Amino acid sequence: MKGPLFYSKILLFGEYGIIEDSKGLSIPYNFFNGALKITKNHTPESKKSNLILLEFCEFLKDIEDLNLDLDLFKQHINKGLYFDSSIPRGYGVGSSGALVAAIYDKYSNNKITVLENLTREKLLVLKSIFSKMESYFHGTSSGLDPLNSYLSIPILIKSKNEINVTGIPSQKSNGSGAVFLIDSGQTGSTAPMVKIFMEKMKSEGFRNMINSEFIKHTNLCVDNFLSGDIKNLFNHTKKLSKIVFDNFKPMIPSDFHDLWKKGIDSESYFLKLCGSGGGGYILGFAPDIDKAKNDLKNYNLEVVYHF
């Protein structure tokens, strides 16, 4: 058995903000992918995946209203089922989301498919199911990563109860502006980062900053990106990068503090968190990607979108 491929994702805007009802924009990132497979000749990596699936199956038994064929899932696990994935774990690009999407696709008894008319209600049902399933990996989950991986199309989050599939402006292959990824060289973990954020939210000053500044500029970035307003997009991305630098220090790997500030001061590039932060990839926006590459020549940049 070999299942279909499910891809990684990038949350361009909305990290932490969507917890507090900001807008968000998530796009598929087809550079990495994963698929369910069965083997009798396990490698150490596939054996580890098989054991994770066994624990995951036991976890799912205690969750109501999922309507998954867990007996078949368990049979396949016993035959050597594993998730063959190139998606790096702890990097903010949806490794657990792709796994959840693959499990739902294979074992749902009442599957909502990509081919049918995806109404807002159906999207919310999918998001709710995925949120419950992915909570195994993160403690809490918005369900957005599995939703993006399952549908493999850009998703616009307008609020907690309003999500839509969306189109994004076509890439310009010769465009000077770009979105890129930098590998921090260390893995992150979502649960402790979210815990830090929720602790910070107990402070009135931090809450006010989130509601008056962070969400405002997150929403403007989403609007600018979707409308193709590149000039204002970089203006607001710069402000968002500064807000994150001033208020989310624990989520930024310490080795990148100076680099983060240098980008803001020089306006060569603007860095932001890719997912929950703490490691993994760091997301960057550059008005002139050639200049940014020169300023970041000691780092390996992976361009994911050209303006």
Protein backbone atom coordinates (compact mmCIF):
# COMPACT_ATOMS: atom_id res chain seq x y z
CA MET A 1 0.00 0.00 0.00
CA LYS A 2 1.12 3.50 -0.84
CA GLY A 3 -1.15 6.46 -0.18
CA PRO A 4 -1.32 9.84 -1.96
CA LEU A 5 1.20 12.57 -1.21
CA PHE A 6 0.40 15.30 1.29
CA TYR A 7 2.47 18.45 1.25
CA SER A 8 4.02 20.78 3.79
CA LYS A 9 2.64 24.30 4.30
CA ILE A 10 3.77 27.79 5.16
CA LEU A 11 1.69 30.09 7.33
CA LEU A 12 2.65 33.39 5.71
CA PHE A 13 0.74 35.47 8.24
CA GLY A 14 -1.23 34.69 11.37
CA GLU A 15 1.16 32.92 13.74
CA TYR A 16 -0.18 33.48 17.29
CA GLY A 17 -2.59 36.10 15.91
CA ILE A 18 -5.14 33.52 14.78
CA ILE A 19 -5.37 32.34 18.40
CA GLU A 20 -6.76 35.82 19.12
CA ASP A 21 -8.94 36.02 15.98
CA SER A 22 -6.60 37.78 13.56
CA LYS A 23 -6.62 37.00 9.87
CA GLY A 24 -4.24 34.37 8.56
CA LEU A 25 -2.97 33.14 5.22
CA SER A 26 -1.57 29.66 4.72
CA ILE A 27 -0.14 28.29 1.45
CA PRO A 28 1.01 24.81 0.40
CA TYR A 29 4.77 24.30 0.18
CA ASN A 30 5.33 21.45 -2.26
CA PHE A 31 9.07 21.16 -1.60
CA PHE A 32 8.35 18.62 1.17
CA ASN A 33 5.75 15.85 1.30
CA GLY A 34 4.75 12.60 2.95
CA ALA A 35 2.65 9.50 2.24
CA LEU A 36 1.39 6.47 4.14
CA LYS A 37 3.15 3.22 3.22
CA ILE A 38 3.30 -0.36 4.47
CA THR A 39 6.56 -2.28 4.75
CA LYS A 40 7.78 -5.47 6.40
CA ASN A 41 11.40 -4.36 6.20
CA HIS A 42 11.55 -1.44 8.59
CA THR A 43 14.37 1.07 8.83
CA PRO A 44 14.92 2.68 12.26
CA GLU A 45 13.04 5.75 10.97
CA SER A 46 10.04 3.82 9.61
CA LYS A 47 9.88 1.71 12.79
CA LYS A 48 9.77 4.89 14.87
CA SER A 49 6.96 6.22 12.67
CA ASN A 50 5.06 2.94 13.03
CA LEU A 51 5.22 3.19 16.84
CA ILE A 52 4.02 6.81 16.72
CA LEU A 53 1.06 5.72 14.58
CA LEU A 54 0.22 3.01 17.12
CA GLU A 55 0.16 5.57 19.94
CA PHE A 56 -1.79 7.98 17.74
CA CYS A 57 -4.40 5.30 17.01
CA GLU A 58 -4.88 4.68 20.74
CA PHE A 59 -5.26 8.42 21.30
CA LEU A 60 -7.92 8.72 18.58
CA LYS A 61 -10.06 6.01 20.22
CA ASP A 62 -10.90 8.41 23.04
CA ILE A 63 -12.07 11.25 20.79
CA GLU A 64 -15.74 11.40 19.83
CA ASP A 65 -17.27 12.34 16.47
CA LEU A 66 -14.23 11.63 14.30
CA ASN A 67 -15.88 8.75 12.39
CA LEU A 68 -12.60 7.06 11.51
CA ASP A 69 -12.16 3.36 10.77
CA LEU A 70 -9.70 2.79 13.59
CA ASP A 71 -9.94 -1.00 13.31
CA LEU A 72 -8.60 -0.84 9.76
CA PHE A 73 -6.00 1.72 10.87
CA LYS A 74 -4.83 -0.68 13.60
CA GLN A 75 -4.72 -3.61 11.13
CA HIS A 76 -2.50 -1.60 8.79
CA ILE A 77 -0.24 -0.53 11.67
CA ASN A 78 0.22 -4.20 12.59
CA LYS A 79 1.18 -4.89 8.96
CA GLY A 80 3.90 -2.23 9.08
CA LEU A 81 2.19 1.08 8.28
CA TYR A 82 4.37 4.18 8.55
CA PHE A 83 4.42 7.77 7.29
CA ASP A 84 7.20 8.19 4.76
CA SER A 85 7.93 11.90 4.97
CA SER A 86 10.55 14.39 3.84
CA ILE A 87 8.90 17.16 5.92
CA PRO A 88 11.33 18.17 8.70
CA ARG A 89 9.82 17.85 12.17
CA GLY A 90 9.90 20.90 14.44
CA TYR A 91 10.48 23.31 11.55
CA GLY A 92 7.12 25.06 11.34
CA VAL A 93 6.12 23.65 7.94
CA GLY A 94 3.42 21.21 9.02
CA SER A 95 4.93 17.74 9.46
CA SER A 96 2.17 16.60 11.84
CA GLY A 97 -0.45 18.36 9.71
CA ALA A 98 0.46 16.28 6.66
CA LEU A 99 0.32 13.10 8.73
CA VAL A 100 -3.13 13.98 10.11
CA ALA A 101 -4.38 14.78 6.61
CA ALA A 102 -3.12 11.43 5.32
CA ILE A 103 -4.81 9.49 8.17
CA TYR A 104 -8.12 11.30 7.62
CA ASP A 105 -7.95 10.73 3.86
CA LYS A 106 -7.34 7.00 4.25
CA TYR A 107 -9.53 6.10 7.23
CA SER A 108 -12.48 8.53 7.35
CA ASN A 109 -15.86 6.84 7.02
CA ASN A 110 -17.56 10.04 5.90
CA LYS A 111 -14.83 11.88 4.03
CA ILE A 112 -15.29 15.45 2.84
CA THR A 113 -13.38 15.47 -0.44
CA VAL A 114 -11.50 18.20 -2.24
CA LEU A 115 -13.63 17.63 -5.33
CA GLU A 116 -16.95 18.58 -3.77
CA ASN A 117 -18.34 22.05 -3.21
CA LEU A 118 -16.31 23.22 -0.21
CA THR A 119 -18.77 25.41 1.66
CA ARG A 120 -17.74 27.38 4.74
CA GLU A 121 -19.60 24.83 6.88
CA LYS A 122 -17.67 21.91 5.38
CA LEU A 123 -14.37 23.72 5.88
CA LEU A 124 -15.23 24.34 9.54
CA VAL A 125 -16.17 20.67 10.01
CA LEU A 126 -12.83 19.62 8.52
CA LYS A 127 -10.96 22.16 10.64
CA SER A 128 -12.69 20.91 13.79
CA ILE A 129 -11.87 17.26 13.04
CA PHE A 130 -8.26 18.10 12.23
CA SER A 131 -7.94 20.22 15.37
CA LYS A 132 -9.01 17.28 17.55
CA MET A 133 -6.69 14.88 15.74
CA GLU A 134 -3.60 17.12 15.70
CA SER A 135 -3.96 17.95 19.41
CA TYR A 136 -2.11 14.65 19.97
CA PHE A 137 1.06 16.29 18.67
CA HIS A 138 0.77 19.84 20.05
CA GLY A 139 -1.58 19.74 23.04
CA THR A 140 -3.77 22.26 21.23
CA SER A 141 -4.19 22.80 17.50
CA SER A 142 -6.13 25.18 15.26
CA GLY A 143 -6.50 22.39 12.69
CA LEU A 144 -5.21 24.75 10.02
CA ASP A 145 -2.03 22.85 9.09
CA PRO A 146 -3.83 19.56 8.32
CA LEU A 147 -6.54 21.50 6.47
CA ASN A 148 -3.97 23.17 4.24
CA SER A 149 -2.16 19.89 3.61
CA TYR A 150 -5.40 18.02 2.91
CA LEU A 151 -6.76 20.57 0.45
CA SER A 152 -3.36 21.63 -0.96
CA ILE A 153 -4.69 25.09 -1.82
CA PRO A 154 -4.17 28.48 -0.12
CA ILE A 155 -6.45 29.11 2.85
CA LEU A 156 -7.60 32.50 4.10
CA ILE A 157 -8.60 32.72 7.74
CA LYS A 158 -10.83 35.74 8.29
CA SER A 159 -11.68 34.80 11.88
CA LYS A 160 -12.04 31.67 14.01
CA ASN A 161 -15.39 30.92 12.42
CA GLU A 162 -14.76 32.13 8.90
CA ILE A 163 -12.28 30.38 6.64
CA ASN A 164 -12.19 30.20 2.86
CA VAL A 165 -10.07 28.65 0.18
CA THR A 166 -8.51 31.50 -1.77
CA GLY A 167 -6.38 32.38 -4.74
CA ILE A 168 -3.10 34.23 -4.40
CA PRO A 169 -1.45 36.52 -6.97
CA SER A 170 0.58 34.68 -9.60
CA GLN A 171 4.30 34.56 -8.99
CA LYS A 172 6.58 36.70 -11.13
CA SER A 173 9.54 34.52 -12.06
CA ASN A 174 11.71 37.59 -12.67
CA GLY A 175 10.33 39.63 -9.75
CA SER A 176 12.85 41.29 -7.46
CA GLY A 177 10.77 40.85 -4.29
CA ALA A 178 10.51 37.47 -2.61
CA VAL A 179 9.44 35.40 0.37
CA PHE A 180 12.17 33.06 1.61
CA LEU A 181 13.04 30.60 4.34
CA ILE A 182 16.18 30.46 6.48
CA ASP A 183 17.09 27.27 8.30
CA SER A 184 17.83 28.15 11.93
CA GLY A 185 19.71 24.88 12.34
CA GLN A 186 17.68 23.81 15.36
CA THR A 187 14.27 22.24 15.88
CA GLY A 188 11.43 23.98 17.67
CA SER A 189 8.47 22.61 19.60
CA THR A 190 5.01 24.12 19.33
CA ALA A 191 3.54 23.28 22.75
CA PRO A 192 6.11 25.14 24.93
CA MET A 193 6.07 28.17 22.61
CA VAL A 194 2.27 28.40 22.78
CA LYS A 195 2.50 28.04 26.57
CA ILE A 196 4.87 31.04 26.71
CA PHE A 197 2.46 33.04 24.56
CA MET A 198 -0.54 32.19 26.75
CA GLU A 199 1.44 33.19 29.85
CA LYS A 200 2.32 36.52 28.21
CA MET A 201 -1.37 37.05 27.39
CA LYS A 202 -2.06 37.29 31.14
CA SER A 203 -0.27 40.66 31.06
CA GLU A 204 -2.57 43.58 30.21
CA GLY A 205 0.22 45.40 28.37
CA PHE A 206 0.97 42.41 26.16
CA ARG A 207 -2.74 41.85 25.45
CA ASN A 208 -3.16 45.48 24.44
CA MET A 209 -0.14 45.22 22.11
CA ILE A 210 -1.57 42.08 20.49
CA ASN A 211 -5.00 43.63 19.96
CA SER A 212 -3.92 47.11 18.91
CA GLU A 213 -0.69 46.47 16.97
CA PHE A 214 0.09 42.82 16.22
CA ILE A 215 -3.35 41.85 14.89
CA LYS A 216 -3.71 45.16 13.03
CA HIS A 217 -0.49 44.70 11.04
CA THR A 218 -1.09 40.96 10.55
CA ASN A 219 -4.47 41.74 8.97
CA LEU A 220 -2.99 44.48 6.79
CA CYS A 221 -0.24 42.13 5.57
CA VAL A 222 -2.84 39.53 4.56
CA ASP A 223 -4.91 42.16 2.72
CA ASN A 224 -1.84 43.63 0.99
CA PHE A 225 -0.54 40.24 -0.11
CA LEU A 226 -3.87 39.09 -1.57
CA SER A 227 -4.47 42.39 -3.38
CA GLY A 228 -0.92 42.52 -4.76
CA ASP A 229 -0.16 45.81 -2.98
CA ILE A 230 3.55 45.05 -2.63
CA LYS A 231 4.67 48.51 -1.46
CA ASN A 232 2.33 48.50 1.53
CA LEU A 233 2.99 44.80 2.13
CA PHE A 234 6.66 45.53 2.84
CA ASN A 235 5.78 48.58 4.96
CA HIS A 236 3.51 46.49 7.17
CA THR A 237 5.83 43.44 7.17
CA LYS A 238 8.58 45.69 8.50
CA LYS A 239 6.29 46.87 11.32
CA LEU A 240 5.23 43.29 12.05
CA SER A 241 8.87 42.16 12.15
CA LYS A 242 9.66 44.94 14.66
CA ILE A 243 6.65 44.05 16.84
CA VAL A 244 7.75 40.39 16.91
CA PHE A 245 11.35 41.36 17.68
CA ASP A 246 10.26 43.57 20.59
CA ASN A 247 7.65 41.24 22.07
CA PHE A 248 8.35 37.63 21.04
CA LYS A 249 12.04 37.27 21.93
CA PRO A 250 11.68 33.74 23.41
CA MET A 251 10.29 32.52 20.09
CA ILE A 252 13.28 33.86 18.12
CA PRO A 253 16.42 31.67 18.33
CA SER A 254 19.04 33.76 20.16
CA ASP A 255 21.56 33.38 17.32
CA PHE A 256 19.18 35.33 15.09
CA HIS A 257 18.44 38.37 17.29
CA ASP A 258 21.13 40.55 15.72
CA LEU A 259 20.30 39.37 12.20
CA TRP A 260 16.62 40.10 12.79
CA LYS A 261 17.33 43.68 13.90
CA LYS A 262 19.84 44.23 11.09
CA GLY A 263 17.16 43.46 8.51
CA ILE A 264 14.74 45.97 10.03
CA ASP A 265 17.38 48.72 10.30
CA SER A 266 18.74 48.21 6.76
CA GLU A 267 15.30 47.47 5.22
CA SER A 268 17.05 44.78 3.17
CA TYR A 269 14.80 42.02 4.55
CA PHE A 270 12.19 41.54 7.25
CA LEU A 271 12.12 38.35 9.28
CA LYS A 272 9.11 36.77 10.98
CA LEU A 273 8.21 33.56 12.71
CA CYS A 274 7.41 30.52 10.62
CA GLY A 275 4.79 28.83 12.75
CA SER A 276 5.32 28.94 16.50
CA GLY A 277 9.06 29.68 16.34
CA GLY A 278 11.68 28.52 18.81
CA GLY A 279 13.69 26.99 15.98
CA GLY A 280 13.02 25.43 12.61
CA TYR A 281 12.59 27.79 9.69
CA ILE A 282 12.47 31.57 9.89
CA LEU A 283 10.37 33.32 7.27
CA GLY A 284 11.76 36.33 5.42
CA PHE A 285 10.38 39.02 3.11
CA ALA A 286 12.77 40.90 0.82
CA PRO A 287 11.97 43.88 -1.44
CA ASP A 288 15.13 42.98 -3.40
CA ILE A 289 16.02 39.32 -3.04
CA ASP A 290 19.48 39.71 -4.62
CA LYS A 291 20.42 42.34 -2.04
CA ALA A 292 19.01 40.19 0.75
CA LYS A 293 20.96 37.16 -0.46
CA ASN A 294 24.14 39.24 -0.40
CA ASP A 295 23.41 40.53 3.11
CA LEU A 296 22.60 36.99 4.22
CA LYS A 297 25.38 35.26 2.28
CA ASN A 298 26.37 33.16 5.29
CA TYR A 299 22.90 31.60 5.37
CA ASN A 300 21.15 29.20 3.06
CA LEU A 301 18.05 30.94 1.68
CA GLU A 302 15.23 28.99 0.06
CA VAL A 303 12.98 31.27 -2.02
CA VAL A 304 9.35 30.15 -1.86
CA TYR A 305 7.54 32.97 -3.66
CA HIS A 306 8.52 35.78 -6.08
CA PHE A 307 6.73 39.13 -6.29
